[in-house]
Amino acid sequence: MGVTVRKYTQEDIPVMTEIWNAVVDEGEAFPQADMLSEAEAQGFFDAQSYCGVAEDENGKEVGLYILHPNNVGRCGHIANASFAVRADCRGQGIGEKLVRDCMEQARELGFRILQFNAVVEDNIGAIHLYEKIGFHQIGRVCEGFQAKNGEYKDILLYYSDL
């Protein structure tokens, strides 16, 4: 699949909202529990330092990421990001393109580190991808994530120098 990643535009908001809400609704990866309305999503995506959209060769949006500071002040050089890929498009290398583009955008914005605070322990695809790219696991929070079914799962923390 020929996928390119580009900066989002306002025209992408409806599809970005759909992709984001689908991952939230799955209840297995994102900490958010509430769906975003399109108006809320516009404010949410606009508030990020950068949002990237992956689209296939037909111009269909198949994934996205958000990039923002992980903290403020003396820790403001550390970025954080979240990634979402359409369920029917997973396993096709889209996540890797999103993560690599995110790292490049983070560097261009002056971030020095990219840290993921809450990678759910059974999100094997994400863990494999992050480690393949060179991220290092730096910790574990036991029962730090409550899945949609109520089960508590460990979350893993990862980082990479940029």
C-alpha atoms as a PDB file:
ATOM      1  CA  MET A   1       0.000   0.000   0.000  1.00  0.00           C
ATOM      2  CA  GLY A   2       1.426   3.356  -1.040  1.00  0.00           C
ATOM      3  CA  VAL A   3       0.877   5.537   2.013  1.00  0.00           C
ATOM      4  CA  THR A   4       1.998   9.113   2.503  1.00  0.00           C
ATOM      5  CA  VAL A   5       1.872  11.173   5.674  1.00  0.00           C
ATOM      6  CA  ARG A   6       1.096  14.876   5.589  1.00  0.00           C
ATOM      7  CA  LYS A   7       0.015  17.665   7.898  1.00  0.00           C
ATOM      8  CA  TYR A   8      -3.712  17.602   8.578  1.00  0.00           C
ATOM      9  CA  THR A   9      -6.098  20.213   7.222  1.00  0.00           C
ATOM     10  CA  GLN A  10      -9.485  21.340   8.504  1.00  0.00           C
ATOM     11  CA  GLU A  11     -11.095  19.195   5.796  1.00  0.00           C
ATOM     12  CA  ASP A  12      -9.617  16.104   7.494  1.00  0.00           C
ATOM     13  CA  ILE A  13     -11.396  16.712  10.820  1.00  0.00           C
ATOM     14  CA  PRO A  14     -14.485  14.541  10.143  1.00  0.00           C
ATOM     15  CA  VAL A  15     -12.423  11.498   9.133  1.00  0.00           C
ATOM     16  CA  MET A  16      -9.852  12.099  11.882  1.00  0.00           C
ATOM     17  CA  THR A  17     -12.719  12.190  14.379  1.00  0.00           C
ATOM     18  CA  GLU A  18     -14.047   8.896  13.030  1.00  0.00           C
ATOM     19  CA  ILE A  19     -10.634   7.182  13.231  1.00  0.00           C
ATOM     20  CA  TRP A  20      -9.892   8.604  16.699  1.00  0.00           C
ATOM     21  CA  ASN A  21     -13.308   7.659  18.099  1.00  0.00           C
ATOM     22  CA  ALA A  22     -13.023   4.114  16.722  1.00  0.00           C
ATOM     23  CA  VAL A  23      -9.836   3.558  18.753  1.00  0.00           C
ATOM     24  CA  VAL A  24     -11.413   5.129  21.840  1.00  0.00           C
ATOM     25  CA  ASP A  25     -14.473   2.912  21.415  1.00  0.00           C
ATOM     26  CA  GLU A  26     -12.306  -0.232  21.165  1.00  0.00           C
ATOM     27  CA  GLY A  27     -11.189   0.578  24.702  1.00  0.00           C
ATOM     28  CA  GLU A  28      -7.845  -1.184  24.397  1.00  0.00           C
ATOM     29  CA  ALA A  29      -5.251   1.523  23.707  1.00  0.00           C
ATOM     30  CA  PHE A  30      -6.211   5.147  24.364  1.00  0.00           C
ATOM     31  CA  PRO A  31      -6.797   6.438  27.901  1.00  0.00           C
ATOM     32  CA  GLN A  32      -9.766   8.502  26.730  1.00  0.00           C
ATOM     33  CA  ALA A  33     -13.185   7.010  27.443  1.00  0.00           C
ATOM     34  CA  ASP A  34     -15.426   9.611  25.807  1.00  0.00           C
ATOM     35  CA  MET A  35     -16.046  10.072  22.111  1.00  0.00           C
ATOM     36  CA  LEU A  36     -15.299  13.448  20.566  1.00  0.00           C
ATOM     37  CA  SER A  37     -17.933  15.383  18.709  1.00  0.00           C
ATOM     38  CA  GLU A  38     -16.677  16.912  15.502  1.00  0.00           C
ATOM     39  CA  ALA A  39     -16.551  20.348  17.175  1.00  0.00           C
ATOM     40  CA  GLU A  40     -14.625  18.957  20.163  1.00  0.00           C
ATOM     41  CA  ALA A  41     -12.296  17.101  17.804  1.00  0.00           C
ATOM     42  CA  GLN A  42     -11.531  20.267  15.876  1.00  0.00           C
ATOM     43  CA  GLY A  43     -10.472  22.011  19.080  1.00  0.00           C
ATOM     44  CA  PHE A  44      -8.532  18.947  20.224  1.00  0.00           C
ATOM     45  CA  PHE A  45      -6.591  18.516  16.979  1.00  0.00           C
ATOM     46  CA  ASP A  46      -6.018  22.262  16.574  1.00  0.00           C
ATOM     47  CA  ALA A  47      -4.491  22.376  20.092  1.00  0.00           C
ATOM     48  CA  GLN A  48      -1.736  19.879  19.216  1.00  0.00           C
ATOM     49  CA  SER A  49       1.776  20.916  18.259  1.00  0.00           C
ATOM     50  CA  TYR A  50       1.355  18.896  15.070  1.00  0.00           C
ATOM     51  CA  CYS A  51      -1.082  16.371  13.603  1.00  0.00           C
ATOM     52  CA  GLY A  52      -0.165  14.049  10.782  1.00  0.00           C
ATOM     53  CA  VAL A  53      -2.578  12.176   8.538  1.00  0.00           C
ATOM     54  CA  ALA A  54      -1.731   9.030   6.586  1.00  0.00           C
ATOM     55  CA  GLU A  55      -3.504   8.577   3.309  1.00  0.00           C
ATOM     56  CA  ASP A  56      -3.397   5.783   0.783  1.00  0.00           C
ATOM     57  CA  GLU A  57      -2.754   6.093  -2.935  1.00  0.00           C
ATOM     58  CA  ASN A  58      -6.455   6.895  -3.464  1.00  0.00           C
ATOM     59  CA  GLY A  59      -6.401   9.787  -0.991  1.00  0.00           C
ATOM     60  CA  LYS A  60      -8.317   7.871   1.691  1.00  0.00           C
ATOM     61  CA  GLU A  61      -7.278   8.783   5.247  1.00  0.00           C
ATOM     62  CA  VAL A  62      -6.130   5.573   6.937  1.00  0.00           C
ATOM     63  CA  GLY A  63      -4.433   6.833  10.100  1.00  0.00           C
ATOM     64  CA  LEU A  64      -3.280   9.815  12.107  1.00  0.00           C
ATOM     65  CA  TYR A  65      -1.099  10.982  14.940  1.00  0.00           C
ATOM     66  CA  ILE A  66      -1.067  13.826  17.403  1.00  0.00           C
ATOM     67  CA  LEU A  67       2.153  15.351  18.753  1.00  0.00           C
ATOM     68  CA  HIS A  68       2.471  17.670  21.747  1.00  0.00           C
ATOM     69  CA  PRO A  69       4.718  18.413  24.733  1.00  0.00           C
ATOM     70  CA  ASN A  70       4.789  15.694  27.357  1.00  0.00           C
ATOM     71  CA  ASN A  71       5.327  18.278  30.089  1.00  0.00           C
ATOM     72  CA  VAL A  72       6.105  21.971  30.557  1.00  0.00           C
ATOM     73  CA  GLY A  73       9.015  24.225  31.437  1.00  0.00           C
ATOM     74  CA  ARG A  74      12.240  22.376  32.168  1.00  0.00           C
ATOM     75  CA  CYS A  75      10.725  19.190  30.775  1.00  0.00           C
ATOM     76  CA  GLY A  76       9.151  20.849  27.744  1.00  0.00           C
ATOM     77  CA  HIS A  77      11.766  19.386  25.397  1.00  0.00           C
ATOM     78  CA  ILE A  78      10.090  15.975  25.755  1.00  0.00           C
ATOM     79  CA  ALA A  79       7.292  15.244  23.300  1.00  0.00           C
ATOM     80  CA  ASN A  80       4.411  12.804  23.564  1.00  0.00           C
ATOM     81  CA  ALA A  81       2.308  11.355  20.778  1.00  0.00           C
ATOM     82  CA  SER A  82      -0.637   9.086  20.066  1.00  0.00           C
ATOM     83  CA  PHE A  83      -1.283   7.084  16.910  1.00  0.00           C
ATOM     84  CA  ALA A  84      -4.463   5.700  15.372  1.00  0.00           C
ATOM     85  CA  VAL A  85      -4.858   3.473  12.328  1.00  0.00           C
ATOM     86  CA  ARG A  86      -8.164   2.293  10.847  1.00  0.00           C
ATOM     87  CA  ALA A  87      -8.851  -1.226  12.097  1.00  0.00           C
ATOM     88  CA  ASP A  88      -9.164  -2.600   8.550  1.00  0.00           C
ATOM     89  CA  CYS A  89      -5.791  -1.111   7.574  1.00  0.00           C
ATOM     90  CA  ARG A  90      -3.643  -2.356  10.461  1.00  0.00           C
ATOM     91  CA  GLY A  91      -0.643  -4.566   9.808  1.00  0.00           C
ATOM     92  CA  GLN A  92       0.251  -2.793   6.559  1.00  0.00           C
ATOM     93  CA  GLY A  93       3.109  -0.582   7.795  1.00  0.00           C
ATOM     94  CA  ILE A  94       0.991   2.537   8.279  1.00  0.00           C
ATOM     95  CA  GLY A  95       1.887   2.810  11.965  1.00  0.00           C
ATOM     96  CA  GLU A  96       5.588   2.797  11.170  1.00  0.00           C
ATOM     97  CA  LYS A  97       5.180   5.595   8.628  1.00  0.00           C
ATOM     98  CA  LEU A  98       3.209   7.602  11.183  1.00  0.00           C
ATOM     99  CA  VAL A  99       5.783   7.095  13.948  1.00  0.00           C
ATOM    100  CA  ARG A 100       8.732   7.939  11.713  1.00  0.00           C
ATOM    101  CA  ASP A 101       7.024  11.082  10.422  1.00  0.00           C
ATOM    102  CA  CYS A 102       6.127  12.032  14.001  1.00  0.00           C
ATOM    103  CA  MET A 103       9.756  11.720  15.049  1.00  0.00           C
ATOM    104  CA  GLU A 104      10.841  13.971  12.177  1.00  0.00           C
ATOM    105  CA  GLN A 105       8.205  16.579  12.972  1.00  0.00           C
ATOM    106  CA  ALA A 106       9.142  16.461  16.664  1.00  0.00           C
ATOM    107  CA  ARG A 107      12.796  17.128  15.765  1.00  0.00           C
ATOM    108  CA  GLU A 108      11.780  20.027  13.528  1.00  0.00           C
ATOM    109  CA  LEU A 109       9.722  21.502  16.375  1.00  0.00           C
ATOM    110  CA  GLY A 110      12.763  21.375  18.670  1.00  0.00           C
ATOM    111  CA  PHE A 111      11.833  18.403  20.832  1.00  0.00           C
ATOM    112  CA  ARG A 112      14.772  16.259  21.933  1.00  0.00           C
ATOM    113  CA  ILE A 113      12.964  13.159  23.229  1.00  0.00           C
ATOM    114  CA  LEU A 114       9.757  11.353  22.284  1.00  0.00           C
ATOM    115  CA  GLN A 115       8.145   9.524  25.195  1.00  0.00           C
ATOM    116  CA  PHE A 116       5.094   7.291  25.290  1.00  0.00           C
ATOM    117  CA  ASN A 117       3.504   7.215  28.737  1.00  0.00           C
ATOM    118  CA  ALA A 118       0.922   4.485  28.418  1.00  0.00           C
ATOM    119  CA  VAL A 119       1.510   1.651  25.961  1.00  0.00           C
ATOM    120  CA  VAL A 120      -0.887  -1.079  27.038  1.00  0.00           C
ATOM    121  CA  GLU A 121       1.025  -4.291  27.728  1.00  0.00           C
ATOM    122  CA  ASP A 122      -0.922  -6.409  25.263  1.00  0.00           C
ATOM    123  CA  ASN A 123      -0.641  -3.906  22.390  1.00  0.00           C
ATOM    124  CA  ILE A 124       1.950  -6.220  20.864  1.00  0.00           C
ATOM    125  CA  GLY A 125       1.932  -4.538  17.455  1.00  0.00           C
ATOM    126  CA  ALA A 126       2.808  -1.154  18.931  1.00  0.00           C
ATOM    127  CA  ILE A 127       5.440  -2.621  21.255  1.00  0.00           C
ATOM    128  CA  HIS A 128       7.095  -4.493  18.390  1.00  0.00           C
ATOM    129  CA  LEU A 129       7.057  -1.369  16.224  1.00  0.00           C
ATOM    130  CA  TYR A 130       8.485   0.943  18.884  1.00  0.00           C
ATOM    131  CA  GLU A 131      11.290  -1.481  19.721  1.00  0.00           C
ATOM    132  CA  LYS A 132      12.036  -2.061  16.011  1.00  0.00           C
ATOM    133  CA  ILE A 133      12.443   1.697  15.517  1.00  0.00           C
ATOM    134  CA  GLY A 134      14.740   1.935  18.552  1.00  0.00           C
ATOM    135  CA  PHE A 135      12.529   3.043  21.436  1.00  0.00           C
ATOM    136  CA  HIS A 136      13.567   1.837  24.882  1.00  0.00           C
ATOM    137  CA  GLN A 137      11.191   0.598  27.543  1.00  0.00           C
ATOM    138  CA  ILE A 138      11.872   2.617  30.693  1.00  0.00           C
ATOM    139  CA  GLY A 139       9.173   1.458  33.025  1.00  0.00           C
ATOM    140  CA  ARG A 140       5.941  -0.304  33.826  1.00  0.00           C
ATOM    141  CA  VAL A 141       2.907   0.875  35.759  1.00  0.00           C
ATOM    142  CA  CYS A 142       1.086  -2.137  37.131  1.00  0.00           C
ATOM    143  CA  GLU A 143      -2.646  -2.014  36.411  1.00  0.00           C
ATOM    144  CA  GLY A 144      -2.304   1.507  35.026  1.00  0.00           C
ATOM    145  CA  PHE A 145      -4.940   1.056  32.301  1.00  0.00           C
ATOM    146  CA  GLN A 146      -8.549   0.029  32.632  1.00  0.00           C
ATOM    147  CA  ALA A 147      -9.802  -1.632  29.459  1.00  0.00           C
ATOM    148  CA  LYS A 148     -13.347  -1.160  28.226  1.00  0.00           C
ATOM    149  CA  ASN A 149     -14.329  -4.505  29.785  1.00  0.00           C
ATOM    150  CA  GLY A 150     -13.183  -3.269  33.215  1.00  0.00           C
ATOM    151  CA  GLU A 151     -10.002  -5.359  33.303  1.00  0.00           C
ATOM    152  CA  TYR A 152      -6.866  -3.607  34.574  1.00  0.00           C
ATOM    153  CA  LYS A 153      -3.719  -3.986  32.489  1.00  0.00           C
ATOM    154  CA  ASP A 154      -0.149  -2.828  32.904  1.00  0.00           C
ATOM    155  CA  ILE A 155       1.125   0.087  30.855  1.00  0.00           C
ATOM    156  CA  LEU A 156       4.663   0.427  29.569  1.00  0.00           C
ATOM    157  CA  LEU A 157       6.658   3.633  29.176  1.00  0.00           C
ATOM    158  CA  TYR A 158       8.906   4.056  26.133  1.00  0.00           C
ATOM    159  CA  TYR A 159      11.264   6.796  24.949  1.00  0.00           C
ATOM    160  CA  SER A 160      13.603   7.600  22.112  1.00  0.00           C
ATOM    161  CA  ASP A 161      16.126  10.360  21.648  1.00  0.00           C
ATOM    162  CA  LEU A 162      15.374  12.442  18.606  1.00  0.00           C
END
